[in-house]
Protein backbone atom coordinates (compact mmCIF):
# COMPACT_ATOMS: atom_id res chain seq x y z
CA UNK A 1 -30.28 9.57 -9.33
CA UNK A 2 -28.76 14.11 -9.06
CA UNK A 3 -24.61 14.41 -9.14
CA UNK A 4 -23.86 13.42 -5.79
CA UNK A 5 -20.47 15.47 -6.91
CA UNK A 6 -23.94 18.28 -5.69
CA UNK A 7 -23.54 16.69 -1.91
CA UNK A 8 -27.45 17.65 -1.54
CA UNK A 9 -29.35 16.59 1.32
CA UNK A 10 -33.15 15.81 1.93
CA UNK A 11 -35.16 16.61 5.09
CA UNK A 12 -37.73 15.91 6.33
CA UNK A 13 -39.02 16.22 10.02
CA UNK A 14 -42.06 15.05 11.60
CA UNK A 15 -43.71 14.91 15.15
CA UNK A 16 -45.22 11.65 17.50
CA UNK A 17 -47.34 11.37 20.76
CA UNK A 18 -46.60 9.40 23.11
CA UNK A 19 -48.95 7.34 24.84
CA UNK A 20 -49.77 6.59 28.26
CA UNK A 21 -51.45 2.60 28.26
CA UNK A 22 -54.35 2.53 30.22
CA UNK A 23 -54.35 -2.18 30.33
CA UNK A 24 -50.78 -2.74 30.17
CA UNK A 25 -48.17 -4.25 27.96
CA UNK A 26 -45.93 -6.23 29.79
CA UNK A 27 -44.42 -8.91 28.61
CA UNK A 28 -42.93 -10.61 25.64
CA UNK A 29 -43.51 -14.25 23.76
CA UNK A 30 -40.94 -12.99 21.58
CA UNK A 31 -38.11 -10.73 22.69
CA UNK A 32 -36.76 -11.11 19.19
CA UNK A 33 -39.87 -9.55 17.11
CA UNK A 34 -41.40 -7.72 20.70
CA UNK A 35 -44.65 -10.19 20.50
CA UNK A 36 -46.36 -8.96 23.69
CA UNK A 37 -48.56 -11.79 25.67
CA UNK A 38 -50.95 -10.14 25.91
CA UNK A 39 -52.57 -7.52 23.89
CA UNK A 40 -53.29 -3.57 24.92
CA UNK A 41 -54.80 -0.33 24.66
CA UNK A 42 -53.61 3.23 25.38
CA UNK A 43 -54.58 6.88 25.80
CA UNK A 44 -52.39 8.91 23.14
CA UNK A 45 -50.44 12.16 24.82
CA UNK A 46 -51.12 15.24 23.43
CA UNK A 47 -48.41 16.09 21.34
CA UNK A 48 -48.52 19.90 22.01
CA UNK A 49 -47.55 19.12 25.32
CA UNK A 50 -45.55 15.59 25.02
CA UNK A 51 -44.22 14.32 21.85
CA UNK A 52 -40.72 13.52 19.82
CA UNK A 53 -40.01 15.51 16.77
CA UNK A 54 -37.68 14.35 14.48
CA UNK A 55 -36.06 15.05 11.68
CA UNK A 56 -34.55 12.13 9.83
CA UNK A 57 -31.76 12.83 6.24
CA UNK A 58 -30.20 11.36 3.29
CA UNK A 59 -27.46 12.30 1.61
CA UNK A 60 -24.59 10.97 -0.67
CA UNK A 61 -22.46 12.56 1.18
CA UNK A 62 -23.06 10.41 4.17
CA UNK A 63 -20.82 8.08 4.89
CA UNK A 64 -22.07 6.37 7.00
CA UNK A 65 -25.88 6.34 9.98
CA UNK A 66 -26.44 8.41 12.45
CA UNK A 67 -27.92 9.69 15.36
CA UNK A 68 -28.60 12.20 17.70
CA UNK A 69 -31.14 11.88 20.70
CA UNK A 70 -31.52 15.30 22.29
CA UNK A 71 -28.42 16.78 21.47
CA UNK A 72 -26.04 14.00 21.43
CA UNK A 73 -25.44 11.47 19.43
CA UNK A 74 -26.25 7.41 20.46
CA UNK A 75 -25.01 4.41 18.54
CA UNK A 76 -27.66 3.00 16.05
CA UNK A 77 -25.48 -0.47 16.66
CA UNK A 78 -28.95 -1.65 18.58
CA UNK A 79 -30.97 -4.04 17.53
CA UNK A 80 -33.98 -2.46 17.73
CA UNK A 81 -32.88 1.39 15.25
CA UNK A 82 -31.42 -1.32 12.81
CA UNK A 83 -34.18 -3.90 12.46
CA UNK A 84 -37.06 -0.65 12.17
CA UNK A 85 -33.88 0.77 9.57
CA UNK A 86 -33.98 -2.18 8.36
CA UNK A 87 -37.81 -3.16 7.70
CA UNK A 88 -38.35 0.97 5.85
CA UNK A 89 -35.43 0.35 3.24
CA UNK A 90 -37.08 -2.86 1.93
CA UNK A 91 -39.83 -0.22 1.37
CA UNK A 92 -39.13 2.78 0.35
CA UNK A 93 -40.13 3.14 -3.65
CA UNK A 94 -38.54 5.91 -5.74
CA UNK A 95 -39.14 8.87 -4.91
CA UNK A 96 -38.65 12.49 -7.08
CA UNK A 97 -37.48 16.00 -5.83
CA UNK A 98 -37.93 18.40 -8.58
CA UNK A 99 -36.88 21.63 -6.84
CA UNK A 100 -33.16 20.22 -5.74
CA UNK A 101 -33.59 17.85 -8.87
CA UNK A 102 -33.17 14.51 -7.22
CA UNK A 103 -33.74 11.20 -7.63
CA UNK A 104 -34.28 8.11 -5.83
CA UNK A 105 -35.17 4.90 -7.32
CA UNK A 106 -35.91 1.75 -3.88
CA UNK A 107 -33.03 -0.14 -5.33
CA UNK A 108 -30.70 3.46 -4.57
CA UNK A 109 -32.01 3.65 -0.52
CA UNK A 110 -30.52 0.55 0.35
CA UNK A 111 -27.04 2.24 -0.85
CA UNK A 112 -27.58 5.73 0.95
CA UNK A 113 -26.98 7.08 4.81
CA UNK A 114 -29.33 8.70 6.80
CA UNK A 115 -28.70 11.04 9.32
CA UNK A 116 -31.15 11.58 12.62
CA UNK A 117 -32.25 13.91 15.18
CA UNK A 118 -34.49 13.09 17.44
CA UNK A 119 -35.95 15.59 20.65
CA UNK A 120 -38.07 14.51 23.29
CA UNK A 121 -40.18 17.36 24.90
CA UNK A 122 -40.43 15.40 28.57
CA UNK A 123 -38.01 13.12 30.22
CA UNK A 124 -36.21 10.04 28.60
CA UNK A 125 -36.27 6.77 30.25
CA UNK A 126 -38.12 7.93 33.16
CA UNK A 127 -41.72 5.93 32.79
CA UNK A 128 -43.35 8.41 30.57
CA UNK A 129 -42.65 6.07 27.49
CA UNK A 130 -39.99 8.06 26.02
CA UNK A 131 -38.68 5.46 23.33
CA UNK A 132 -42.79 4.97 22.73
CA UNK A 133 -43.23 8.20 21.38
CA UNK A 134 -39.20 8.41 19.69
CA UNK A 135 -39.46 4.66 18.09
CA UNK A 136 -42.89 5.84 16.26
CA UNK A 137 -41.68 8.76 15.50
CA UNK A 138 -38.39 7.68 14.07
CA UNK A 139 -40.41 4.89 12.37
CA UNK A 140 -42.78 8.11 10.54
CA UNK A 141 -41.22 9.72 9.69
CA UNK A 142 -38.49 7.81 7.50
CA UNK A 143 -41.59 6.28 5.63
CA UNK A 144 -42.88 9.82 4.96
CA UNK A 145 -39.18 10.26 3.64
CA UNK A 146 -38.38 7.12 1.55
CA UNK A 147 -42.75 7.38 0.29
CA UNK A 148 -43.18 4.17 1.84
CA UNK A 149 -46.65 2.76 0.43
CA UNK A 150 -48.50 1.64 3.77
CA UNK A 151 -51.31 2.81 6.48
CA UNK A 152 -50.04 3.62 9.68
CA UNK A 153 -52.01 -0.02 11.11
CA UNK A 154 -48.65 -1.65 8.75
CA UNK A 155 -45.84 0.71 9.96
CA UNK A 156 -46.92 -0.10 13.67
CA UNK A 157 -45.86 -3.77 12.91
CA UNK A 158 -42.22 -2.17 12.06
CA UNK A 159 -42.66 0.78 15.01
CA UNK A 160 -43.03 -2.25 17.29
CA UNK A 161 -39.84 -3.80 16.74
CA UNK A 162 -37.88 -0.83 17.49
CA UNK A 163 -39.90 -0.40 21.20
CA UNK A 164 -43.27 -2.37 21.71
CA UNK A 165 -45.77 0.71 22.82
CA UNK A 166 -44.54 2.61 19.91
CA UNK A 167 -46.97 0.93 17.68
CA UNK A 168 -49.91 2.90 19.55
CA UNK A 169 -48.47 5.97 18.95
CA UNK A 170 -49.38 5.85 15.46
CA UNK A 171 -52.64 6.87 16.65
CA UNK A 172 -54.08 9.63 18.46
CA UNK A 173 -57.39 9.19 20.96
CA UNK A 174 -57.21 5.31 22.30
CA UNK A 175 -55.14 2.69 20.26
CA UNK A 176 -55.27 -1.32 21.06
CA UNK A 177 -52.19 -3.22 20.31
CA UNK A 178 -53.70 -5.91 18.93
CA UNK A 179 -50.88 -8.89 20.49
CA UNK A 180 -51.78 -11.15 17.03
CA UNK A 181 -50.58 -15.75 17.53
CA UNK A 182 -48.69 -15.33 14.17
CA UNK A 183 -44.65 -16.62 14.61
CA UNK A 184 -43.59 -13.87 12.30
CA UNK A 185 -45.39 -11.02 13.85
CA UNK A 186 -47.76 -10.22 10.80
CA UNK A 187 -51.03 -10.26 12.97
CA UNK A 188 -49.06 -8.11 15.91
CA UNK A 189 -50.13 -4.52 14.75
CA UNK A 190 -51.88 -1.60 16.54
CA UNK A 191 -55.47 -0.37 15.07
CA UNK A 192 -56.85 2.77 16.34
CA UNK A 193 -60.32 2.70 18.50
CA UNK A 194 -61.59 6.12 18.51
CA UNK A 195 -60.00 9.47 17.60
CA UNK A 196 -58.69 12.04 19.83
CA UNK A 197 -62.53 13.58 19.56
CA UNK A 198 -64.72 11.05 20.56
CA UNK A 199 -63.61 11.58 24.77
CA UNK A 200 -62.88 15.25 24.51
CA UNK A 201 -63.77 15.52 28.38
CA UNK A 202 -61.15 14.07 29.51
CA UNK A 203 -58.09 16.24 31.27
CA UNK A 204 -55.06 14.32 31.63
CA UNK A 205 -53.05 15.55 34.53
CA UNK A 206 -49.19 14.54 35.10
CA UNK A 207 -46.90 14.64 38.06
CA UNK A 208 -43.46 13.99 37.28
CA UNK A 209 -42.52 12.57 40.53
CA UNK A 210 -38.63 11.91 39.02
CA UNK A 211 -37.09 12.68 35.93
CA UNK A 212 -34.14 10.52 36.47
CA UNK A 213 -33.77 7.37 35.01
CA UNK A 214 -35.10 4.18 36.30
CA UNK A 215 -33.15 1.25 38.08
CA UNK A 216 -34.39 -1.94 36.10
CA UNK A 217 -35.33 -1.11 32.11
CA UNK A 218 -38.42 -1.71 30.41
CA UNK A 219 -36.56 -4.82 28.71
CA UNK A 220 -34.79 -6.66 31.59
CA UNK A 221 -37.89 -5.71 34.16
CA UNK A 222 -39.90 -8.26 31.38
CA UNK A 223 -37.95 -10.21 31.13
CA UNK A 224 -37.53 -10.59 34.15
CA UNK A 225 -41.26 -11.32 35.22
CA UNK A 226 -42.24 -13.55 32.74
CA UNK A 227 -39.27 -15.84 33.80
CA UNK A 228 -40.08 -15.60 37.59
CA UNK A 229 -43.94 -15.01 38.10
CA UNK A 230 -46.91 -17.02 38.27
CA UNK A 231 -49.62 -13.81 38.33
CA UNK A 232 -48.01 -12.64 35.62
CA UNK A 233 -49.05 -15.44 33.26
CA UNK A 234 -52.78 -16.03 35.19
CA UNK A 235 -52.97 -11.82 33.51
CA UNK A 236 -52.01 -12.90 30.07
CA UNK A 237 -54.23 -15.21 29.86
CA UNK A 238 -56.88 -14.83 32.58
CA UNK A 239 -57.45 -11.02 33.20
CA UNK A 240 -56.54 -8.80 30.38
CA UNK A 241 -58.65 -10.70 27.58
CA UNK A 242 -61.46 -9.23 29.55
CA UNK A 243 -60.63 -6.48 30.28
CA UNK A 244 -59.53 -5.40 27.02
CA UNK A 245 -63.15 -6.17 26.13
CA UNK A 246 -64.50 -4.15 28.92
CA UNK A 247 -62.54 -1.43 28.28
CA UNK A 248 -62.99 -1.36 24.63
CA UNK A 249 -67.29 -0.73 25.77
CA UNK A 250 -66.26 2.05 28.42
CA UNK A 251 -64.68 3.76 25.40
CA UNK A 252 -67.62 3.21 23.11
CA UNK A 253 -69.71 4.22 25.34
CA UNK A 254 -67.94 7.30 27.10
CA UNK A 255 -68.19 5.41 30.10
CA UNK A 256 -65.80 7.33 32.60
CA UNK A 257 -66.72 4.88 35.22
CA UNK A 258 -66.24 1.63 34.25
CA UNK A 259 -62.89 3.31 32.40
CA UNK A 260 -61.58 4.31 36.23
CA UNK A 261 -62.47 1.26 37.71
CA UNK A 262 -60.18 -1.17 35.02
CA UNK A 263 -57.62 1.49 34.47
CA UNK A 264 -56.63 2.22 37.94
CA UNK A 265 -56.73 -2.08 38.91
CA UNK A 266 -55.21 -2.54 35.41
CA UNK A 267 -52.21 0.00 36.73
CA UNK A 268 -52.32 -1.65 39.67
CA UNK A 269 -52.06 -5.41 38.30
CA UNK A 270 -49.06 -4.44 36.94
CA UNK A 271 -47.47 -3.28 39.54
CA UNK A 272 -48.13 -6.20 41.59
CA UNK A 273 -46.76 -8.58 39.23
CA UNK A 274 -43.57 -6.90 38.98
CA UNK A 275 -43.38 -7.49 42.72
CA UNK A 276 -44.66 -10.85 42.44
CA UNK A 277 -41.07 -11.16 40.25
CA UNK A 278 -37.54 -12.47 41.46
CA UNK A 279 -36.06 -10.48 42.47
CA UNK A 280 -38.66 -8.01 43.30
CA UNK A 281 -39.22 -4.78 41.50
CA UNK A 282 -40.00 -1.27 42.85
CA UNK A 283 -41.15 1.01 39.78
CA UNK A 284 -43.30 3.53 42.47
CA UNK A 285 -41.80 4.77 45.49
CA UNK A 286 -43.62 6.44 47.77
CA UNK A 287 -44.62 9.58 46.65
CA UNK A 288 -46.54 7.59 43.84
CA UNK A 289 -48.91 5.39 46.66
CA UNK A 290 -49.37 8.62 48.46
CA UNK A 291 -50.85 10.26 45.12
CA UNK A 292 -52.95 6.72 44.56
CA UNK A 293 -54.14 8.05 48.71
CA UNK A 294 -55.34 10.95 47.58
CA UNK A 295 -57.47 9.76 44.83
CA UNK A 296 -58.49 7.03 46.12
CA UNK A 297 -60.14 9.37 48.92
CA UNK A 298 -61.94 11.76 46.71
CA UNK A 299 -63.09 8.73 44.29
CA UNK A 300 -64.89 7.09 47.71
CA UNK A 301 -65.59 10.61 49.53
CA UNK A 302 -67.73 10.89 46.11
CA UNK A 303 -68.94 8.24 45.36
CA UNK A 304 -68.70 7.55 41.43
CA UNK A 305 -64.75 8.10 40.51
CA UNK A 306 -63.72 11.45 39.60
CA UNK A 307 -60.10 10.70 37.98
CA UNK A 308 -57.97 7.60 36.52
CA UNK A 309 -54.18 6.40 37.27
CA UNK A 310 -52.21 5.05 35.46
CA UNK A 311 -48.44 4.49 36.41
CA UNK A 312 -45.72 2.64 33.68
CA UNK A 313 -42.69 1.49 34.22
CA UNK A 314 -42.03 4.58 36.41
CA UNK A 315 -43.16 6.72 39.67
CA UNK A 316 -44.82 9.49 37.58
CA UNK A 317 -48.68 9.11 37.91
CA UNK A 318 -50.99 10.08 35.12
CA UNK A 319 -54.55 11.15 36.10
CA UNK A 320 -57.37 11.36 33.75
CA UNK A 321 -59.91 13.41 34.85
CA UNK A 322 -63.54 12.95 33.40
CA UNK A 323 -64.26 15.76 32.43
CA UNK A 324 -62.57 19.75 33.29
CA UNK A 325 -64.40 20.51 37.06
CA UNK A 326 -62.94 17.41 38.08
CA UNK A 327 -59.60 17.93 36.86
CA UNK A 328 -59.22 21.71 38.81
CA UNK A 329 -60.23 19.72 41.54
CA UNK A 330 -57.66 17.67 41.24
CA UNK A 331 -54.99 20.07 40.78
CA UNK A 332 -56.05 21.79 43.38
CA UNK A 333 -55.90 18.90 46.16
CA UNK A 334 -52.47 17.87 43.89
CA UNK A 335 -51.75 21.30 44.85
CA UNK A 336 -52.01 21.29 48.06
CA UNK A 337 -50.54 18.22 49.25
CA UNK A 338 -47.89 18.03 46.42
CA UNK A 339 -46.38 22.62 47.10
CA UNK A 340 -43.87 23.34 45.25
CA UNK A 341 -39.90 23.95 46.30
CA UNK A 342 -40.10 27.39 47.73
CA UNK A 343 -37.35 28.65 44.85
CA UNK A 344 -39.48 27.27 41.97
CA UNK A 345 -42.05 29.75 40.07
CA UNK A 346 -45.22 28.56 38.61
CA UNK A 347 -43.91 28.52 34.48
CA UNK A 348 -42.69 25.59 35.75
CA UNK A 349 -44.19 23.87 38.42
CA UNK A 350 -47.52 23.29 35.72
CA UNK A 351 -46.53 23.88 32.10
CA UNK A 352 -49.12 22.08 29.25
CA UNK A 353 -51.61 23.03 29.44
CA UNK A 354 -51.95 25.94 31.82
CA UNK A 355 -55.52 27.64 31.59
CA UNK A 356 -56.65 25.10 34.02
CA UNK A 357 -55.01 27.41 37.24
CA UNK A 358 -57.26 29.37 36.42
CA UNK A 359 -59.86 27.48 37.20
CA UNK A 360 -57.54 26.60 40.30
CA UNK A 361 -57.77 30.35 41.63
CA UNK A 362 -53.76 30.07 41.08
CA UNK A 363 -52.52 33.07 39.61
CA UNK A 364 -48.71 32.87 41.05
CA UNK A 365 -47.00 30.73 43.55
CA UNK A 366 -48.23 32.51 46.72
CA UNK A 367 -51.47 31.52 46.02
CA UNK A 368 -51.05 27.61 46.26
CA UNK A 369 -50.04 28.90 49.94
CA UNK A 370 -53.88 29.86 50.74
CA UNK A 371 -55.57 27.08 48.80
CA UNK A 372 -57.88 25.21 51.78
CA UNK A 373 -57.23 21.27 52.64
CA UNK A 374 -59.65 19.18 50.46
CA UNK A 375 -63.00 18.70 52.85
CA UNK A 376 -62.44 14.62 52.33
CA UNK A 377 -58.78 15.28 54.37
CA UNK A 378 -60.38 15.44 57.91
CA UNK A 379 -56.96 16.08 59.85
CA UNK A 380 -54.43 14.42 57.55
CA UNK A 381 -53.29 18.02 56.15
CA UNK A 382 -49.72 17.17 55.68
CA UNK A 383 -47.53 18.50 52.60
CA UNK A 384 -44.82 16.96 50.52
CA UNK A 385 -42.48 19.61 49.50
CA UNK A 386 -40.59 18.80 46.59
CA UNK A 387 -41.91 15.61 46.45
CA UNK A 388 -43.19 16.45 42.58
CA UNK A 389 -40.38 17.73 39.66
CA UNK A 390 -43.49 19.12 38.38
CA UNK A 391 -47.44 19.02 37.16
CA UNK A 392 -48.04 18.49 33.51
CA UNK A 393 -51.78 19.23 31.87
CA UNK A 394 -52.86 18.20 28.33
CA UNK A 395 -55.74 16.18 27.03
CA UNK A 396 -55.77 13.24 24.73
CA UNK A 397 -54.25 14.24 21.26
CA UNK A 398 -53.88 13.59 17.85
CA UNK A 399 -51.25 11.05 15.55
CA UNK A 400 -47.85 11.55 14.81
CA UNK A 401 -47.56 14.18 11.61
CA UNK A 402 -44.82 15.92 9.17
CA UNK A 403 -43.70 19.68 10.05
CA UNK A 404 -43.91 21.61 7.68
CA UNK A 405 -42.19 24.94 9.18
CA UNK A 406 -38.21 24.24 7.72
CA UNK A 407 -37.03 26.32 10.76
CA UNK A 408 -38.22 23.56 13.40
CA UNK A 409 -35.76 21.36 11.60
CA UNK A 410 -33.04 19.39 14.15
CA UNK A 411 -30.36 18.91 10.80
CA UNK A 412 -29.04 21.60 9.18
CA UNK A 413 -30.56 21.62 5.52
CA UNK A 414 -27.43 22.62 4.48
CA UNK A 415 -25.18 19.95 5.36
CA UNK A 416 -27.44 17.33 7.81
CA UNK A 417 -25.73 17.63 10.55
CA UNK A 418 -27.16 19.04 14.18
CA UNK A 419 -27.99 22.65 13.81
């Protein structure tokens, strides 16, 4: 190892996308290893719009492992972080940085402390899979820093132990989390079904209904569902295995009608098992239900699905449009029904890929007020101003990457502490 009196800092920054399950994971057969009771399939979202950035640093001057999330220090005492750190450290290889004159042997990694800074560019714990992106980014960044010689699928088994759905964020495009059968979880890994270019017609619009933390966490909600719901066991054994096969085929063939039908049905059933829990768990709210109604009416009026919707453990709606034209028509309907509060601006109400606003014909806030009602709305022209915080326009995206631009690091390269 380099001379400790130099108090060197070795650092790496990575960016990892979040993912949204279109066939849901809900329920564990092993709480400690986070082994699911069924397979799941997700779409990875473009990290340009939804991602976690994590900087990891190691130095002989650090006296303990420390972590900062969105600027605030958090405890690393929780089991999920410790299990990821332990697993990565056990797989570390020798690292040589000739520029800094640093050599760290495989054995030395076990005694060196880490500083970790992580930032989500979207609400944490609001049903947008922030823990999935966060834990996946932590594992990916540490694996690169410590020169771990394992592929993404093997790393996914470590990320899974931090947050179940994190294993799917190690891949771009479409990913499948295989539940596995082994008691040690060695075969419970994620694999890529198709990359982000495979079905690049798709456009995703997310309605952020609430950025507050949810009342029932996913962890406790799953436990209560598995303990009290009869429907969850029927779902895991009978329904999901068939849907997995059908969804894989729909993705492979780019069959949007089948994809939308499966995604909507699976989202609805997931929330049905939450209601079948004792006491019942309510992740969606009235705004969520209105958005479902809006999409269902339009799909029925068109005679073929234009949009699929899916809701994770929160009220936010993730809508997947079959193409750019359908996405523009969807956003037009959403802006008509859920106009922004009068004191907001267009730039903060529609974020992400804002070019879609040109297709909608909206250049400034006043244009929203003149949008015509959807043709299928008939006399139903209620407006629910302020019920949506903002919209995110995005698309299927790539997997995690190392950021080489040092200015994007979250820790100071000299001290290893937050900038």
